[in-house]
Amino acid sequence: MPRLVCDPQEGVKYYEIEVNGTLATGFPANGDGSASYSLDSLTPGVSYELRLRAFWDEGGGKSLWSDPLTFGVPLAPTGLKVVWDD
């Protein structure tokens, strides 16, 4: 199961994620302030750009957006072959 994760951030309560320019709902931080967000819903064969920002409280304390993370979800394994070792 692929997940987007980040290092612990002291005092962070939740995160927002942006996927290909679309803002997703905030999700709660782990107890240590780190993030762990499931990427199971991403479509194979599509390229994605993700950004994340942290929120410290309900009053609007938030970080800047992270640098973008760009990657593609592979359709399926490629280059399969049987190799006989000597």
C-alpha atoms as a PDB file:
ATOM      1  CA  MET A   1       0.000   0.000   0.000  1.00  0.00           C
ATOM      2  CA  PRO A   2       1.721   3.250  -1.100  1.00  0.00           C
ATOM      3  CA  ARG A   3       1.697   6.143   1.373  1.00  0.00           C
ATOM      4  CA  LEU A   4       2.910   9.737   1.377  1.00  0.00           C
ATOM      5  CA  VAL A   5       4.826  10.380   4.602  1.00  0.00           C
ATOM      6  CA  CYS A   6       6.775  13.236   6.171  1.00  0.00           C
ATOM      7  CA  ASP A   7       8.989  13.661   9.212  1.00  0.00           C
ATOM      8  CA  PRO A   8       7.491  14.571  12.596  1.00  0.00           C
ATOM      9  CA  GLN A   9       6.621  18.244  13.013  1.00  0.00           C
ATOM     10  CA  GLU A  10       6.164  19.359  16.629  1.00  0.00           C
ATOM     11  CA  GLY A  11       2.623  20.490  17.442  1.00  0.00           C
ATOM     12  CA  VAL A  12       1.072  19.782  14.031  1.00  0.00           C
ATOM     13  CA  LYS A  13      -2.596  18.811  14.329  1.00  0.00           C
ATOM     14  CA  TYR A  14      -3.457  18.088  10.683  1.00  0.00           C
ATOM     15  CA  TYR A  15      -2.276  18.389   7.071  1.00  0.00           C
ATOM     16  CA  GLU A  16      -3.750  19.402   3.756  1.00  0.00           C
ATOM     17  CA  ILE A  17      -2.656  17.749   0.542  1.00  0.00           C
ATOM     18  CA  GLU A  18      -2.842  19.086  -2.989  1.00  0.00           C
ATOM     19  CA  VAL A  19      -2.944  16.505  -5.776  1.00  0.00           C
ATOM     20  CA  ASN A  20      -2.419  17.799  -9.333  1.00  0.00           C
ATOM     21  CA  GLY A  21      -3.662  21.236  -8.300  1.00  0.00           C
ATOM     22  CA  THR A  22      -6.764  19.986  -6.465  1.00  0.00           C
ATOM     23  CA  LEU A  23      -6.933  20.525  -2.728  1.00  0.00           C
ATOM     24  CA  ALA A  24      -7.897  17.428  -0.773  1.00  0.00           C
ATOM     25  CA  THR A  25      -9.523  17.505   2.643  1.00  0.00           C
ATOM     26  CA  GLY A  26      -7.295  17.884   5.670  1.00  0.00           C
ATOM     27  CA  PHE A  27      -6.242  14.716   7.439  1.00  0.00           C
ATOM     28  CA  PRO A  28      -5.069  14.320  11.030  1.00  0.00           C
ATOM     29  CA  ALA A  29      -1.377  14.213  11.866  1.00  0.00           C
ATOM     30  CA  ASN A  30       0.044  11.187  13.648  1.00  0.00           C
ATOM     31  CA  GLY A  31       0.686  11.569  17.399  1.00  0.00           C
ATOM     32  CA  ASP A  32       4.258  12.768  16.766  1.00  0.00           C
ATOM     33  CA  GLY A  33       3.115  15.353  14.189  1.00  0.00           C
ATOM     34  CA  SER A  34       4.203  13.316  11.161  1.00  0.00           C
ATOM     35  CA  ALA A  35       2.028  12.658   8.115  1.00  0.00           C
ATOM     36  CA  SER A  36       0.946   9.361   6.609  1.00  0.00           C
ATOM     37  CA  TYR A  37      -1.518   9.589   3.710  1.00  0.00           C
ATOM     38  CA  SER A  38      -2.739   6.606   1.689  1.00  0.00           C
ATOM     39  CA  LEU A  39      -2.152   6.827  -2.069  1.00  0.00           C
ATOM     40  CA  ASP A  40      -4.216   3.721  -2.878  1.00  0.00           C
ATOM     41  CA  SER A  41      -6.771   5.765  -4.831  1.00  0.00           C
ATOM     42  CA  LEU A  42      -4.233   7.033  -7.396  1.00  0.00           C
ATOM     43  CA  THR A  43      -4.695   5.697 -10.922  1.00  0.00           C
ATOM     44  CA  PRO A  44      -1.949   3.540 -12.490  1.00  0.00           C
ATOM     45  CA  GLY A  45      -0.353   5.078 -15.593  1.00  0.00           C
ATOM     46  CA  VAL A  46      -0.957   8.668 -14.450  1.00  0.00           C
ATOM     47  CA  SER A  47       1.665  11.218 -13.326  1.00  0.00           C
ATOM     48  CA  TYR A  48       1.027  13.110 -10.109  1.00  0.00           C
ATOM     49  CA  GLU A  49       2.323  16.205  -8.371  1.00  0.00           C
ATOM     50  CA  LEU A  50       1.694  16.322  -4.614  1.00  0.00           C
ATOM     51  CA  ARG A  51       2.217  19.114  -2.107  1.00  0.00           C
ATOM     52  CA  LEU A  52       1.579  19.129   1.624  1.00  0.00           C
ATOM     53  CA  ARG A  53       1.136  21.829   4.272  1.00  0.00           C
ATOM     54  CA  ALA A  54       0.800  21.563   8.039  1.00  0.00           C
ATOM     55  CA  PHE A  55      -1.694  23.175  10.422  1.00  0.00           C
ATOM     56  CA  TRP A  56      -0.906  23.704  14.093  1.00  0.00           C
ATOM     57  CA  ASP A  57      -4.351  24.719  15.358  1.00  0.00           C
ATOM     58  CA  GLU A  58      -7.886  25.487  14.259  1.00  0.00           C
ATOM     59  CA  GLY A  59      -7.090  29.235  14.343  1.00  0.00           C
ATOM     60  CA  GLY A  60      -5.204  29.237  11.064  1.00  0.00           C
ATOM     61  CA  GLY A  61      -1.595  28.550  12.102  1.00  0.00           C
ATOM     62  CA  LYS A  62      -0.245  26.896   8.959  1.00  0.00           C
ATOM     63  CA  SER A  63       2.997  26.239   7.156  1.00  0.00           C
ATOM     64  CA  LEU A  64       3.966  27.100   3.619  1.00  0.00           C
ATOM     65  CA  TRP A  65       3.374  24.405   1.005  1.00  0.00           C
ATOM     66  CA  SER A  66       6.091  21.778   0.697  1.00  0.00           C
ATOM     67  CA  ASP A  67       8.133  21.535  -2.466  1.00  0.00           C
ATOM     68  CA  PRO A  68       6.197  19.468  -5.014  1.00  0.00           C
ATOM     69  CA  LEU A  69       6.773  15.732  -5.231  1.00  0.00           C
ATOM     70  CA  THR A  70       6.283  14.515  -8.797  1.00  0.00           C
ATOM     71  CA  PHE A  71       6.000  10.824  -9.642  1.00  0.00           C
ATOM     72  CA  GLY A  72       4.105   8.369 -11.829  1.00  0.00           C
ATOM     73  CA  VAL A  73       2.113   5.352 -10.768  1.00  0.00           C
ATOM     74  CA  PRO A  74       3.289   2.399 -12.892  1.00  0.00           C
ATOM     75  CA  LEU A  75       0.735   0.446 -14.892  1.00  0.00           C
ATOM     76  CA  ALA A  76       2.380  -2.881 -14.147  1.00  0.00           C
ATOM     77  CA  PRO A  77       5.838  -4.386 -13.703  1.00  0.00           C
ATOM     78  CA  THR A  78       7.937  -4.290 -16.898  1.00  0.00           C
ATOM     79  CA  GLY A  79      11.031  -6.073 -18.179  1.00  0.00           C
ATOM     80  CA  LEU A  80      10.198  -9.482 -16.733  1.00  0.00           C
ATOM     81  CA  LYS A  81      12.423 -12.365 -17.790  1.00  0.00           C
ATOM     82  CA  VAL A  82      13.883 -15.589 -16.499  1.00  0.00           C
ATOM     83  CA  VAL A  83      17.639 -15.547 -15.973  1.00  0.00           C
ATOM     84  CA  TRP A  84      19.611 -18.728 -15.366  1.00  0.00           C
ATOM     85  CA  ASP A  85      22.566 -18.257 -13.019  1.00  0.00           C
ATOM     86  CA  ASP A  86      25.661 -20.329 -13.786  1.00  0.00           C
END
